[in-house]
N, C-alpha and C. Protein backbone atom coordinates (compact mmCIF):
# COMPACT_ATOMS: atom_id res chain seq x y z
N UNK A 1 -27.86 15.94 8.79
CA UNK A 1 -27.17 17.35 8.63
C UNK A 1 -25.80 17.30 9.32
N UNK A 2 -25.69 16.95 10.71
CA UNK A 2 -24.68 16.74 11.47
C UNK A 2 -23.52 16.05 10.98
N UNK A 3 -23.83 14.92 10.49
CA UNK A 3 -22.84 14.05 9.67
C UNK A 3 -22.20 14.61 8.31
N UNK A 4 -23.17 15.33 7.66
CA UNK A 4 -22.70 15.97 6.38
C UNK A 4 -21.64 17.24 6.63
N UNK A 5 -22.29 17.85 7.67
CA UNK A 5 -21.21 19.07 8.05
C UNK A 5 -20.02 18.62 8.51
N UNK A 6 -19.90 17.59 9.43
CA UNK A 6 -18.82 16.98 9.96
C UNK A 6 -17.81 16.44 8.93
N UNK A 7 -18.66 15.75 7.93
CA UNK A 7 -17.78 15.23 6.73
C UNK A 7 -17.04 16.07 6.12
N UNK A 8 -17.92 17.24 5.60
CA UNK A 8 -17.11 18.49 4.89
C UNK A 8 -16.08 18.79 5.74
N UNK A 9 -16.09 19.23 7.00
CA UNK A 9 -15.28 20.02 7.81
C UNK A 9 -13.99 19.00 7.98
N UNK A 10 -14.03 17.77 7.97
CA UNK A 10 -12.92 16.86 8.01
C UNK A 10 -12.18 16.91 6.69
N UNK A 11 -12.87 16.88 5.44
CA UNK A 11 -12.47 16.76 4.16
C UNK A 11 -11.60 18.29 4.06
N UNK A 12 -12.01 19.12 4.34
CA UNK A 12 -11.57 20.50 3.98
C UNK A 12 -9.78 20.54 4.88
N UNK A 13 -9.92 20.22 6.21
CA UNK A 13 -8.91 20.20 7.03
C UNK A 13 -7.75 19.21 6.40
N UNK A 14 -8.17 17.90 6.08
CA UNK A 14 -7.49 17.07 5.40
C UNK A 14 -6.80 17.69 4.21
N UNK A 15 -7.64 18.24 3.26
CA UNK A 15 -7.03 18.86 1.94
C UNK A 15 -6.14 20.13 2.45
N UNK A 16 -6.20 20.76 3.44
CA UNK A 16 -5.36 21.91 3.79
C UNK A 16 -3.68 21.43 4.09
N UNK A 17 -3.75 20.33 4.91
CA UNK A 17 -2.55 19.75 5.40
C UNK A 17 -1.38 19.71 4.45
N UNK A 18 -1.38 19.26 3.26
CA UNK A 18 -0.23 19.49 2.60
C UNK A 18 0.15 21.08 2.01
N UNK A 19 -0.48 21.59 2.18
CA UNK A 19 -0.48 23.05 1.73
C UNK A 19 0.49 23.97 2.94
N UNK A 20 0.34 23.21 4.20
CA UNK A 20 1.09 23.79 5.44
C UNK A 20 2.17 23.08 5.54
N UNK A 21 3.00 22.60 4.46
CA UNK A 21 4.27 22.22 4.64
C UNK A 21 5.19 22.85 4.21
N UNK A 22 6.68 22.88 4.38
CA UNK A 22 7.80 23.61 4.02
C UNK A 22 7.88 23.23 2.57
N UNK A 23 7.79 22.26 2.15
CA UNK A 23 7.77 21.63 0.56
C UNK A 23 6.96 22.54 -0.52
N UNK A 24 5.50 22.76 0.25
CA UNK A 24 4.59 23.68 -0.60
C UNK A 24 4.87 25.17 -0.63
N UNK A 25 5.41 25.58 0.45
CA UNK A 25 5.66 26.83 0.72
C UNK A 25 6.94 27.42 -0.03
N UNK A 26 8.00 26.42 0.06
CA UNK A 26 9.16 26.66 -0.93
C UNK A 26 8.84 26.63 -2.49
N UNK A 27 8.15 25.79 -2.84
CA UNK A 27 7.75 25.46 -4.32
C UNK A 27 6.74 26.72 -4.70
N UNK A 28 5.67 27.25 -3.98
CA UNK A 28 4.97 28.41 -4.60
C UNK A 28 5.65 29.63 -4.17
N UNK A 29 6.44 29.70 -3.17
CA UNK A 29 7.44 31.07 -3.01
C UNK A 29 8.28 31.46 -4.23
N UNK A 30 8.92 30.15 -4.88
CA UNK A 30 9.97 30.28 -5.81
C UNK A 30 9.00 30.62 -7.10
N UNK A 31 7.92 29.99 -7.23
CA UNK A 31 7.00 30.35 -8.32
C UNK A 31 6.60 32.12 -8.54
N UNK A 32 6.41 32.50 -7.15
CA UNK A 32 5.90 33.92 -7.08
C UNK A 32 7.06 34.92 -6.54
N UNK A 33 8.39 34.64 -6.87
CA UNK A 33 9.43 35.58 -6.77
C UNK A 33 9.54 35.95 -5.65
N UNK A 34 9.47 35.48 -4.49
CA UNK A 34 9.46 35.80 -3.12
C UNK A 34 10.97 36.74 -2.76
N UNK A 35 12.06 35.94 -3.46
CA UNK A 35 13.51 36.49 -2.95
C UNK A 35 13.49 37.83 -3.87
N UNK A 36 12.67 37.98 -4.81
CA UNK A 36 12.97 39.34 -5.50
C UNK A 36 12.04 40.40 -4.62
N UNK A 37 10.96 40.00 -3.98
CA UNK A 37 10.16 40.74 -3.18
C UNK A 37 10.79 41.24 -1.92
N UNK A 38 11.41 40.18 -1.26
CA UNK A 38 12.01 40.50 -0.14
C UNK A 38 13.46 40.94 -0.05
N UNK A 39 14.29 40.55 -1.05
CA UNK A 39 15.67 40.80 -0.91
C UNK A 39 16.53 39.70 -0.27
N UNK A 40 15.73 38.84 0.38
CA UNK A 40 16.70 37.83 0.97
C UNK A 40 16.76 36.61 0.07
N UNK A 41 18.04 35.74 0.57
CA UNK A 41 18.54 34.80 -0.24
C UNK A 41 17.33 33.66 0.06
N UNK A 42 17.55 32.48 -0.98
CA UNK A 42 16.62 31.59 -0.86
C UNK A 42 16.76 30.78 0.55
N UNK A 43 17.54 30.76 1.24
CA UNK A 43 18.11 30.22 2.50
C UNK A 43 17.50 30.98 3.56
N UNK A 44 17.18 32.29 3.26
CA UNK A 44 17.09 33.30 4.34
C UNK A 44 15.39 33.12 4.22
N UNK A 45 14.89 33.15 3.00
CA UNK A 45 13.34 33.11 3.08
C UNK A 45 12.93 31.56 3.50
N UNK A 46 13.87 30.54 3.40
CA UNK A 46 13.18 29.47 3.85
C UNK A 46 13.48 29.45 5.37
N UNK A 47 14.16 30.03 5.92
CA UNK A 47 14.19 30.16 7.32
C UNK A 47 13.17 30.79 8.01
N UNK A 48 12.94 32.02 7.37
CA UNK A 48 11.96 33.02 8.11
C UNK A 48 10.73 32.13 7.81
N UNK A 49 10.26 31.62 6.85
CA UNK A 49 9.05 30.96 6.60
C UNK A 49 8.85 29.70 7.46
N UNK A 50 9.81 28.87 7.53
CA UNK A 50 9.82 27.78 8.38
C UNK A 50 9.59 28.27 9.78
N UNK A 51 10.09 29.25 10.23
CA UNK A 51 9.94 29.79 11.85
C UNK A 51 8.67 30.18 11.91
N UNK A 52 7.88 31.01 10.66
CA UNK A 52 6.69 31.34 10.75
C UNK A 52 5.76 30.35 10.83
N UNK A 53 5.92 29.27 10.21
CA UNK A 53 4.92 28.24 9.91
C UNK A 53 5.20 27.40 11.12
N UNK A 54 6.27 27.21 11.62
CA UNK A 54 6.39 26.56 13.12
C UNK A 54 5.62 26.97 14.17
N UNK A 55 5.46 28.33 14.28
CA UNK A 55 4.82 29.03 15.07
C UNK A 55 3.51 28.86 14.85
N UNK A 56 3.02 29.01 13.71
CA UNK A 56 1.55 28.99 13.29
C UNK A 56 0.97 27.55 13.59
N UNK A 57 1.72 26.56 13.17
CA UNK A 57 0.93 25.11 13.39
C UNK A 57 1.44 24.56 14.51
N UNK A 58 2.50 24.76 15.13
CA UNK A 58 3.13 23.95 16.57
C UNK A 58 2.86 24.77 17.71
N UNK A 59 3.45 26.28 17.52
CA UNK A 59 3.27 27.30 18.43
C UNK A 59 4.92 26.87 19.31
N UNK A 60 5.15 27.88 19.95
CA UNK A 60 3.98 29.22 20.89
C UNK A 60 3.97 30.35 19.55
N UNK A 61 2.91 30.94 19.36
CA UNK A 61 2.96 31.94 18.65
C UNK A 61 3.61 33.11 18.48
N UNK A 62 4.74 33.26 18.76
CA UNK A 62 5.66 34.39 18.88
C UNK A 62 5.80 35.05 17.81
N UNK A 63 6.23 34.41 16.70
CA UNK A 63 6.40 35.11 15.26
C UNK A 63 7.56 36.12 15.35
N UNK A 64 8.56 35.78 16.02
CA UNK A 64 9.50 36.69 16.30
C UNK A 64 10.99 36.27 15.50
N UNK A 65 10.87 35.52 14.54
CA UNK A 65 12.23 35.34 13.83
C UNK A 65 12.70 36.16 13.38
N UNK A 66 14.15 36.22 13.20
CA UNK A 66 15.12 37.27 12.75
C UNK A 66 15.95 36.80 11.59
N UNK A 67 16.37 37.55 10.84
CA UNK A 67 17.18 37.50 9.70
C UNK A 67 18.12 38.47 9.74
N UNK A 68 19.50 38.22 9.89
CA UNK A 68 20.61 39.14 10.07
C UNK A 68 20.45 39.95 11.04
N UNK A 69 19.92 39.52 12.19
CA UNK A 69 19.73 40.02 13.40
C UNK A 69 18.47 41.28 13.49
N UNK A 70 17.79 41.23 12.51
CA UNK A 70 16.41 41.91 12.31
C UNK A 70 15.44 41.21 12.22
N UNK A 71 14.50 41.65 13.12
CA UNK A 71 12.90 40.71 13.08
C UNK A 71 12.44 41.02 11.75
N UNK A 72 11.50 39.70 11.15
CA UNK A 72 11.35 39.81 9.91
C UNK A 72 10.11 40.62 10.33
N UNK A 73 9.28 40.36 10.90
CA UNK A 73 7.88 40.98 11.22
C UNK A 73 7.75 42.03 11.98
N UNK A 74 7.01 43.04 11.79
CA UNK A 74 6.81 44.17 12.66
C UNK A 74 5.77 43.61 13.70
N UNK A 75 5.21 44.64 14.83
CA UNK A 75 4.38 43.84 15.68
C UNK A 75 3.11 43.75 14.99
N UNK A 76 2.94 44.67 14.32
CA UNK A 76 1.22 44.72 13.70
C UNK A 76 1.08 43.27 12.98
N UNK A 77 2.25 42.94 12.02
CA UNK A 77 2.10 41.70 11.45
C UNK A 77 2.11 40.52 12.49
N UNK A 78 2.82 40.57 13.42
CA UNK A 78 2.83 39.53 14.32
C UNK A 78 1.57 39.24 15.10
N UNK A 79 0.80 40.48 15.15
CA UNK A 79 -0.47 40.46 15.85
C UNK A 79 -1.54 39.80 15.07
N UNK A 80 -1.35 40.01 13.45
CA UNK A 80 -2.17 39.42 12.41
C UNK A 80 -1.98 37.81 12.54
N UNK A 81 -0.65 37.35 12.48
CA UNK A 81 -0.14 36.05 12.82
C UNK A 81 -0.95 35.09 13.87
N UNK A 82 -0.96 36.14 14.98
CA UNK A 82 -1.40 35.65 16.33
C UNK A 82 -3.11 35.46 15.95
N UNK A 83 -3.64 36.05 15.21
CA UNK A 83 -5.07 35.97 15.06
C UNK A 83 -5.28 34.75 14.17
N UNK A 84 -4.34 34.60 13.00
CA UNK A 84 -4.44 33.60 12.08
C UNK A 84 -4.27 32.26 12.80
N UNK A 85 -3.33 32.49 14.01
CA UNK A 85 -3.10 30.98 14.73
C UNK A 85 -4.42 30.80 15.44
N UNK A 86 -5.11 31.67 15.98
CA UNK A 86 -6.49 31.44 16.68
C UNK A 86 -7.46 30.73 15.58
N UNK A 87 -7.42 31.18 14.68
CA UNK A 87 -8.70 30.59 13.73
C UNK A 87 -7.91 29.15 13.43
N UNK A 88 -6.88 29.16 13.22
CA UNK A 88 -6.18 27.60 12.88
C UNK A 88 -6.65 26.79 14.26
N UNK A 89 -6.66 27.31 15.47
CA UNK A 89 -6.27 26.43 16.49
C UNK A 89 -8.41 26.09 16.58
N UNK A 90 -9.17 27.00 16.16
CA UNK A 90 -10.40 26.51 16.11
C UNK A 90 -10.66 25.94 15.11
N UNK A 91 -10.08 25.77 14.05
CA UNK A 91 -10.28 24.61 13.15
C UNK A 91 -9.85 23.44 13.49
N UNK A 92 -8.91 23.30 14.19
CA UNK A 92 -8.25 22.01 14.45
C UNK A 92 -9.27 21.22 15.59
N UNK A 93 -10.00 22.26 16.60
CA UNK A 93 -10.96 21.81 17.54
C UNK A 93 -12.15 21.37 16.83
N UNK A 94 -12.59 22.23 15.99
CA UNK A 94 -13.72 21.77 15.29
C UNK A 94 -13.61 20.23 14.61
N UNK A 95 -12.51 20.15 13.89
CA UNK A 95 -12.22 19.00 13.10
C UNK A 95 -12.07 17.88 14.17
N UNK A 96 -11.50 17.98 14.90
CA UNK A 96 -11.48 16.93 16.25
C UNK A 96 -12.77 16.49 16.90
N UNK A 97 -13.69 17.48 16.74
CA UNK A 97 -15.02 17.12 17.18
C UNK A 97 -15.71 16.70 16.24
N UNK A 98 -15.73 16.98 14.97
CA UNK A 98 -16.05 16.12 13.83
C UNK A 98 -15.99 14.84 13.64
N UNK A 99 -14.49 14.57 13.79
CA UNK A 99 -14.23 13.26 13.71
C UNK A 99 -14.81 12.05 14.73
N UNK A 100 -14.78 12.86 15.98
CA UNK A 100 -15.48 11.93 17.18
C UNK A 100 -16.73 12.04 16.73
N UNK A 101 -17.73 12.89 16.15
CA UNK A 101 -19.05 12.82 15.94
C UNK A 101 -19.34 11.64 14.83
N UNK A 102 -18.24 11.89 13.83
CA UNK A 102 -18.24 10.67 12.72
C UNK A 102 -18.35 9.34 13.19
N UNK A 103 -17.23 8.96 14.10
CA UNK A 103 -17.10 7.75 14.60
C UNK A 103 -18.30 7.28 15.47
N UNK A 104 -18.89 8.10 16.38
CA UNK A 104 -19.90 7.85 16.98
C UNK A 104 -21.29 7.67 16.15
N UNK A 105 -21.29 8.45 15.23
CA UNK A 105 -22.45 8.08 14.37
C UNK A 105 -22.33 6.81 13.52
N UNK A 106 -21.03 6.45 13.17
CA UNK A 106 -21.01 5.15 12.27
C UNK A 106 -21.51 4.08 12.83
N UNK A 107 -21.82 4.17 14.14
CA UNK A 107 -22.15 3.04 14.72
C UNK A 107 -23.90 2.78 14.74
N UNK A 108 -24.47 3.84 14.30
CA UNK A 108 -25.89 3.77 13.83
C UNK A 108 -26.17 3.05 12.72
N UNK A 109 -27.21 3.32 12.32
CA UNK A 109 -27.59 2.56 10.88
C UNK A 109 -26.70 2.77 9.80
N UNK A 110 -26.18 1.60 9.35
CA UNK A 110 -25.02 1.71 8.30
C UNK A 110 -25.47 2.47 6.85
N UNK A 111 -26.40 2.15 6.53
CA UNK A 111 -27.01 2.93 5.15
C UNK A 111 -27.14 4.29 5.54
N UNK A 112 -27.55 4.65 6.65
CA UNK A 112 -28.31 6.02 6.76
C UNK A 112 -26.79 6.65 7.05
N UNK A 113 -25.81 6.31 7.71
CA UNK A 113 -24.66 7.11 7.83
C UNK A 113 -24.00 7.15 6.55
N UNK A 114 -23.73 6.22 5.70
CA UNK A 114 -22.92 6.47 4.67
C UNK A 114 -23.71 7.27 3.70
N UNK A 115 -24.95 7.43 3.53
CA UNK A 115 -25.51 8.59 2.54
C UNK A 115 -25.66 9.73 3.30
N UNK A 116 -25.39 9.89 4.39
CA UNK A 116 -25.30 11.08 4.77
C UNK A 116 -23.71 11.66 4.74
N UNK A 117 -22.74 10.87 4.57
CA UNK A 117 -21.31 11.24 4.47
C UNK A 117 -21.21 11.71 2.86
N UNK A 118 -21.94 10.57 2.07
CA UNK A 118 -21.83 10.94 0.70
C UNK A 118 -22.57 12.22 0.37
N UNK A 119 -23.61 12.59 0.92
CA UNK A 119 -24.29 13.83 0.54
C UNK A 119 -23.43 15.05 1.12
N UNK A 120 -23.02 15.05 2.07
CA UNK A 120 -21.98 16.05 2.89
C UNK A 120 -20.76 16.34 1.82
N UNK A 121 -20.16 15.09 1.50
CA UNK A 121 -18.96 15.32 0.52
C UNK A 121 -19.54 15.98 -0.93
N UNK A 122 -20.51 15.49 -1.34
CA UNK A 122 -21.03 16.05 -2.71
C UNK A 122 -21.36 17.37 -2.62
N UNK A 123 -22.11 17.83 -1.68
CA UNK A 123 -22.37 19.32 -1.14
C UNK A 123 -21.46 20.14 -1.23
N UNK A 124 -20.11 19.73 -0.59
CA UNK A 124 -18.94 20.31 -0.40
C UNK A 124 -18.43 20.66 -1.78
N UNK A 125 -18.47 19.51 -2.58
CA UNK A 125 -17.57 19.74 -3.83
C UNK A 125 -18.60 20.55 -4.68
N UNK A 126 -19.85 20.63 -4.63
CA UNK A 126 -20.45 21.85 -5.41
C UNK A 126 -20.28 23.07 -5.11
N UNK A 127 -20.17 23.21 -3.69
CA UNK A 127 -20.14 24.44 -3.11
C UNK A 127 -18.77 25.08 -3.69
N UNK A 128 -17.56 24.19 -3.37
CA UNK A 128 -16.12 24.64 -3.87
C UNK A 128 -16.28 25.13 -5.33
N UNK A 129 -16.90 24.31 -6.15
CA UNK A 129 -16.90 24.50 -7.55
C UNK A 129 -17.58 25.93 -7.77
N UNK A 130 -18.57 26.14 -7.15
CA UNK A 130 -19.33 27.41 -7.42
C UNK A 130 -18.49 28.68 -7.26
N UNK A 131 -17.89 28.25 -5.57
CA UNK A 131 -16.82 29.53 -5.17
C UNK A 131 -15.84 29.80 -6.16
N UNK A 132 -15.26 28.58 -6.88
CA UNK A 132 -14.26 28.74 -7.77
C UNK A 132 -14.72 29.28 -9.03
N UNK A 133 -15.66 29.21 -9.40
CA UNK A 133 -16.09 29.91 -10.50
C UNK A 133 -16.34 31.45 -10.34
N UNK A 134 -16.63 31.71 -8.99
CA UNK A 134 -16.62 32.99 -8.60
C UNK A 134 -15.61 33.64 -8.49
N UNK A 135 -14.72 32.96 -8.29
CA UNK A 135 -13.09 33.35 -7.67
C UNK A 135 -12.24 33.59 -8.93
N UNK A 136 -12.77 32.94 -10.26
CA UNK A 136 -12.31 33.46 -11.45
C UNK A 136 -12.49 34.52 -11.93
N UNK A 137 -13.48 35.08 -11.73
CA UNK A 137 -13.75 36.65 -12.13
C UNK A 137 -13.71 37.83 -10.92
N UNK A 138 -13.68 37.33 -9.53
CA UNK A 138 -13.52 38.18 -8.48
C UNK A 138 -13.07 37.81 -7.29
N UNK A 139 -11.60 37.29 -7.65
CA UNK A 139 -10.77 36.76 -6.25
C UNK A 139 -10.68 37.53 -5.30
N UNK A 140 -10.28 38.82 -5.76
CA UNK A 140 -10.02 40.04 -4.89
C UNK A 140 -11.17 40.45 -4.07
N UNK A 141 -12.27 40.27 -4.38
CA UNK A 141 -13.49 40.57 -3.76
C UNK A 141 -13.76 39.10 -2.75
N UNK A 142 -13.38 38.07 -3.18
CA UNK A 142 -13.59 36.84 -2.08
C UNK A 142 -12.31 36.94 -0.95
N UNK A 143 -11.21 37.28 -1.56
CA UNK A 143 -10.04 37.48 -0.59
C UNK A 143 -10.42 38.55 0.41
N UNK A 144 -10.99 39.62 0.05
CA UNK A 144 -11.37 40.53 1.06
C UNK A 144 -12.38 39.95 1.97
N UNK A 145 -13.46 39.38 1.42
CA UNK A 145 -14.38 39.03 2.17
C UNK A 145 -14.20 38.25 3.18
N UNK A 146 -13.25 36.93 2.80
CA UNK A 146 -12.81 36.14 3.74
C UNK A 146 -11.94 36.59 4.85
N UNK A 147 -11.23 37.74 4.84
CA UNK A 147 -10.59 38.51 5.66
C UNK A 147 -11.60 39.07 6.63
N UNK A 148 -12.45 39.92 6.08
CA UNK A 148 -13.45 40.49 6.83
C UNK A 148 -14.35 39.64 7.86
N UNK A 149 -14.50 38.47 7.34
CA UNK A 149 -15.21 37.69 8.30
C UNK A 149 -14.53 36.87 9.43
N UNK A 150 -13.01 36.64 9.04
CA UNK A 150 -12.27 36.16 10.10
C UNK A 150 -11.58 36.80 10.82
N UNK A 151 -11.21 38.03 10.25
CA UNK A 151 -10.18 39.04 10.99
C UNK A 151 -11.10 40.38 11.04
N UNK A 152 -12.13 40.29 11.85
CA UNK A 152 -12.93 41.74 11.69
C UNK A 152 -12.35 42.75 12.45
N UNK A 153 -11.10 42.60 13.12
CA UNK A 153 -10.32 44.07 13.60
C UNK A 153 -10.00 44.63 12.45
N UNK A 154 -9.74 44.19 11.22
CA UNK A 154 -9.23 44.73 10.03
C UNK A 154 -7.81 44.98 10.02
N UNK A 155 -6.91 44.10 10.95
CA UNK A 155 -5.49 43.97 10.88
C UNK A 155 -4.86 43.16 9.81
N UNK A 156 -5.16 43.33 8.78
CA UNK A 156 -5.03 42.32 7.50
C UNK A 156 -4.60 43.15 6.32
N UNK A 157 -4.40 44.41 6.51
CA UNK A 157 -3.78 45.11 5.34
C UNK A 157 -2.14 45.61 5.34
N UNK A 158 -1.73 45.36 4.49
CA UNK A 158 0.07 45.50 4.86
C UNK A 158 0.31 46.22 3.42
N UNK A 159 1.53 46.75 3.59
CA UNK A 159 2.13 47.38 2.41
C UNK A 159 3.46 46.85 1.90
N UNK A 160 3.13 46.00 0.54
CA UNK A 160 4.07 45.01 0.02
C UNK A 160 5.47 45.95 -0.22
N UNK A 161 5.34 47.02 -0.21
CA UNK A 161 6.74 47.92 -0.37
C UNK A 161 7.62 47.87 0.94
N UNK A 162 6.87 47.74 1.79
CA UNK A 162 7.71 47.71 3.17
C UNK A 162 7.50 46.55 4.06
N UNK A 163 6.45 45.78 3.93
CA UNK A 163 6.23 44.71 5.31
C UNK A 163 6.48 43.38 4.59
N UNK A 164 7.19 42.62 5.61
CA UNK A 164 7.65 41.44 5.00
C UNK A 164 6.49 40.34 4.91
N UNK A 165 5.67 40.38 5.75
CA UNK A 165 4.47 39.52 5.38
C UNK A 165 3.76 39.27 4.27
N UNK A 166 3.69 40.34 3.54
CA UNK A 166 2.90 40.03 2.37
C UNK A 166 4.04 39.90 1.22
N UNK A 167 5.48 40.23 1.48
CA UNK A 167 6.34 39.72 0.71
C UNK A 167 6.76 38.48 0.64
N UNK A 168 6.58 38.01 1.86
CA UNK A 168 7.09 36.44 1.76
C UNK A 168 5.77 35.71 1.56
N UNK A 169 4.48 36.31 1.52
CA UNK A 169 3.42 35.60 0.98
C UNK A 169 2.45 36.34 0.18
N UNK A 170 3.26 36.98 -1.23
CA UNK A 170 2.49 37.80 -2.03
C UNK A 170 1.15 37.25 -2.31
N UNK A 171 0.30 38.15 -3.04
CA UNK A 171 -1.14 38.09 -3.48
C UNK A 171 -1.12 36.67 -4.48
N UNK A 172 -0.24 36.66 -5.43
CA UNK A 172 -0.07 35.66 -6.32
C UNK A 172 -0.08 34.20 -5.47
N UNK A 173 0.77 34.03 -4.16
CA UNK A 173 0.99 32.88 -3.64
C UNK A 173 -0.49 32.37 -3.23
N UNK A 174 -1.15 33.60 -2.82
CA UNK A 174 -2.78 32.80 -2.40
C UNK A 174 -3.65 32.50 -3.28
N UNK A 175 -3.50 33.11 -4.30
CA UNK A 175 -4.54 32.98 -5.62
C UNK A 175 -4.12 31.50 -6.02
N UNK A 176 -2.67 30.93 -6.31
CA UNK A 176 -2.34 29.71 -6.55
C UNK A 176 -2.72 28.64 -5.61
N UNK A 177 -2.36 29.07 -4.23
CA UNK A 177 -2.47 28.19 -3.29
C UNK A 177 -4.30 27.82 -3.30
N UNK A 178 -4.97 29.05 -3.16
CA UNK A 178 -6.52 28.76 -3.16
C UNK A 178 -6.96 27.93 -4.32
N UNK A 179 -6.28 27.91 -5.75
CA UNK A 179 -6.56 27.13 -6.59
C UNK A 179 -6.18 25.57 -6.23
N UNK A 180 -5.30 25.48 -5.81
CA UNK A 180 -4.74 23.98 -5.45
C UNK A 180 -5.55 23.33 -4.34
N UNK A 181 -5.97 24.43 -3.23
CA UNK A 181 -6.93 23.83 -2.17
C UNK A 181 -8.34 23.57 -2.72
N UNK A 182 -8.68 24.30 -3.68
CA UNK A 182 -9.99 23.81 -4.30
C UNK A 182 -10.12 22.63 -4.73
N UNK A 183 -8.93 22.22 -5.67
CA UNK A 183 -8.73 20.95 -6.58
C UNK A 183 -8.68 19.80 -5.66
N UNK A 184 -7.76 20.18 -4.28
CA UNK A 184 -7.65 19.09 -3.50
C UNK A 184 -9.09 18.60 -2.74
N UNK A 185 -9.78 19.79 -2.35
CA UNK A 185 -11.10 19.44 -1.76
C UNK A 185 -12.03 18.85 -2.79
N UNK A 186 -11.96 19.36 -4.00
CA UNK A 186 -13.13 18.74 -5.00
C UNK A 186 -12.69 17.16 -5.17
N UNK A 187 -11.43 16.92 -5.27
CA UNK A 187 -10.92 15.52 -5.59
C UNK A 187 -11.11 14.62 -4.28
N UNK A 188 -10.86 15.18 -3.20
CA UNK A 188 -10.99 14.37 -1.97
C UNK A 188 -12.60 14.26 -1.60
N UNK A 189 -13.32 15.06 -2.05
CA UNK A 189 -15.02 15.09 -1.67
C UNK A 189 -15.36 13.91 -2.80
N UNK A 190 -14.75 13.74 -3.87
CA UNK A 190 -15.22 12.95 -5.15
C UNK A 190 -14.98 11.42 -4.56
N UNK A 191 -13.77 11.25 -3.99
CA UNK A 191 -13.30 9.89 -3.56
C UNK A 191 -14.20 9.54 -2.31
N UNK A 192 -14.39 10.31 -1.41
CA UNK A 192 -15.33 10.11 -0.17
C UNK A 192 -16.62 9.85 -0.79
N UNK A 193 -17.24 10.64 -1.39
CA UNK A 193 -18.71 10.38 -1.84
C UNK A 193 -18.75 9.18 -2.71
N UNK A 194 -17.74 8.85 -3.39
CA UNK A 194 -17.76 7.21 -4.19
C UNK A 194 -17.66 6.15 -3.20
N UNK A 195 -16.84 6.41 -2.36
CA UNK A 195 -16.81 5.21 -1.40
C UNK A 195 -17.92 5.19 -0.52
N UNK A 196 -18.61 6.31 -0.01
CA UNK A 196 -19.67 6.06 0.95
C UNK A 196 -20.85 5.59 0.18
N UNK A 197 -20.95 5.97 -1.28
CA UNK A 197 -22.00 5.32 -1.91
C UNK A 197 -21.90 3.84 -2.06
N UNK A 198 -20.67 3.20 -2.02
CA UNK A 198 -20.44 1.88 -2.34
C UNK A 198 -20.71 1.26 -0.69
N UNK A 199 -20.45 1.93 0.20
CA UNK A 199 -20.47 1.45 1.72
C UNK A 199 -21.72 1.45 2.11
N UNK A 200 -22.66 2.45 1.62
CA UNK A 200 -24.27 2.41 1.84
C UNK A 200 -25.15 1.78 1.08
N UNK A 201 -24.66 1.27 0.19
CA UNK A 201 -25.48 0.00 -0.74
C UNK A 201 -26.05 -1.08 0.22
N UNK A 202 -27.32 -1.39 0.04
CA UNK A 202 -27.84 -2.25 0.70
C UNK A 202 -27.33 -3.69 0.17
N UNK A 203 -26.98 -4.75 0.90
CA UNK A 203 -26.51 -5.85 0.45
C UNK A 203 -26.95 -6.63 -0.82
N UNK A 204 -28.31 -6.57 -0.74
CA UNK A 204 -29.02 -7.02 -1.93
C UNK A 204 -28.83 -6.26 -3.02
N UNK A 205 -28.44 -5.05 -3.00
CA UNK A 205 -28.21 -4.33 -4.19
C UNK A 205 -26.97 -4.57 -4.87
N UNK A 206 -25.94 -5.26 -4.13
CA UNK A 206 -24.63 -5.51 -4.76
C UNK A 206 -24.62 -6.85 -5.42
N UNK A 207 -25.64 -7.32 -5.56
CA UNK A 207 -25.72 -8.81 -6.13
C UNK A 207 -25.34 -9.79 -5.30
N UNK A 208 -25.57 -9.90 -3.87
CA UNK A 208 -25.29 -10.85 -2.94
C UNK A 208 -26.40 -11.68 -2.51
N UNK A 209 -27.55 -11.01 -3.03
CA UNK A 209 -29.03 -11.82 -2.85
C UNK A 209 -28.79 -13.30 -3.41
N UNK A 210 -29.41 -14.31 -2.62
CA UNK A 210 -29.62 -15.49 -2.83
C UNK A 210 -30.37 -15.74 -4.13
N UNK A 211 -30.17 -16.54 -4.92
CA UNK A 211 -31.25 -17.05 -6.10
C UNK A 211 -32.49 -17.69 -5.67
N UNK A 212 -33.52 -17.40 -6.29
CA UNK A 212 -34.85 -18.18 -5.67
C UNK A 212 -34.68 -19.64 -5.80
N UNK A 213 -35.28 -20.45 -4.95
CA UNK A 213 -35.19 -21.83 -4.70
C UNK A 213 -36.56 -22.23 -5.75
N UNK A 214 -36.04 -23.22 -6.79
CA UNK A 214 -37.00 -23.59 -7.63
C UNK A 214 -37.72 -24.98 -6.88
N UNK A 215 -38.97 -25.08 -7.05
CA UNK A 215 -39.58 -26.41 -6.53
C UNK A 215 -39.14 -27.65 -6.92
N UNK A 216 -39.28 -28.51 -6.27
CA UNK A 216 -38.72 -30.01 -6.98
C UNK A 216 -39.95 -30.67 -7.81
N UNK A 217 -39.82 -30.99 -9.06
CA UNK A 217 -40.70 -31.50 -9.81
C UNK A 217 -41.23 -32.96 -9.08
N UNK A 218 -42.80 -32.93 -9.28
CA UNK A 218 -43.46 -34.17 -8.51
C UNK A 218 -43.34 -35.09 -9.56
N UNK A 219 -42.94 -36.29 -8.95
CA UNK A 219 -42.74 -37.51 -9.63
C UNK A 219 -44.25 -37.75 -10.18
C-alpha cells in the first residue's frame, strides 16, 4: 500500500511541474483574456505572474511584486499565496519522502515491488478519471471543496472586479489547467503502469525459459 501511494504521489507531482512554468502560465492567461481582466499589458502580466510564480516555487514568499509603483496583491491576497506556498512545500516534502521510499523498496522482491507500482499508478488513473467525470458537471463544487480542505481559514474568496489575484488567474484558467493536469496524470500513470507490468513479469513468462532437454535415443 505504501509503495502504491508513494507511486501516485510522485506521478502527481511530476505531472504538475510543466503547469508551474512561465510558458504554461503565459499560454493559459492569453486564452483566458487576463490582459482584459487586469488592464495590464502583456509584458506587465508576465512580470507580475513570473514574480508571483517565483515566490511560490523558489521563495521567499513575499508576493510583493509591483506594477507601475503599485502593489499587485493586497495583504489578504498575499496571505492566501503564503498559504498556497505552505501547501506546495508540504507536497515537495512528501514527494521527496515518497521517492526515497520507492528507492528503498525497489531493493526488495522485484516482482512484488513492480506489481505495487503498477497498482498504485492504475488506481491513480482510475481515481482521476472518476473525479474528472464529476468535474464535468460540478467543477464549481469540486473547486470549492478543494479550497475548504487545504485552506480551512477561508481566505480564498476574492472579488474579480477589484482584486488582482483572481484577475491574473481567473476561474476559466483553473478549469482548463485542471483538465490538462488530469490528462497528464492519466497519461503518466498509464506509462508507469505499463512499464511496471513489464518489469514485474517473471523471467520465465517473457519467453526466456530454456527448452526442455530431449533424451538421446538408445542405440
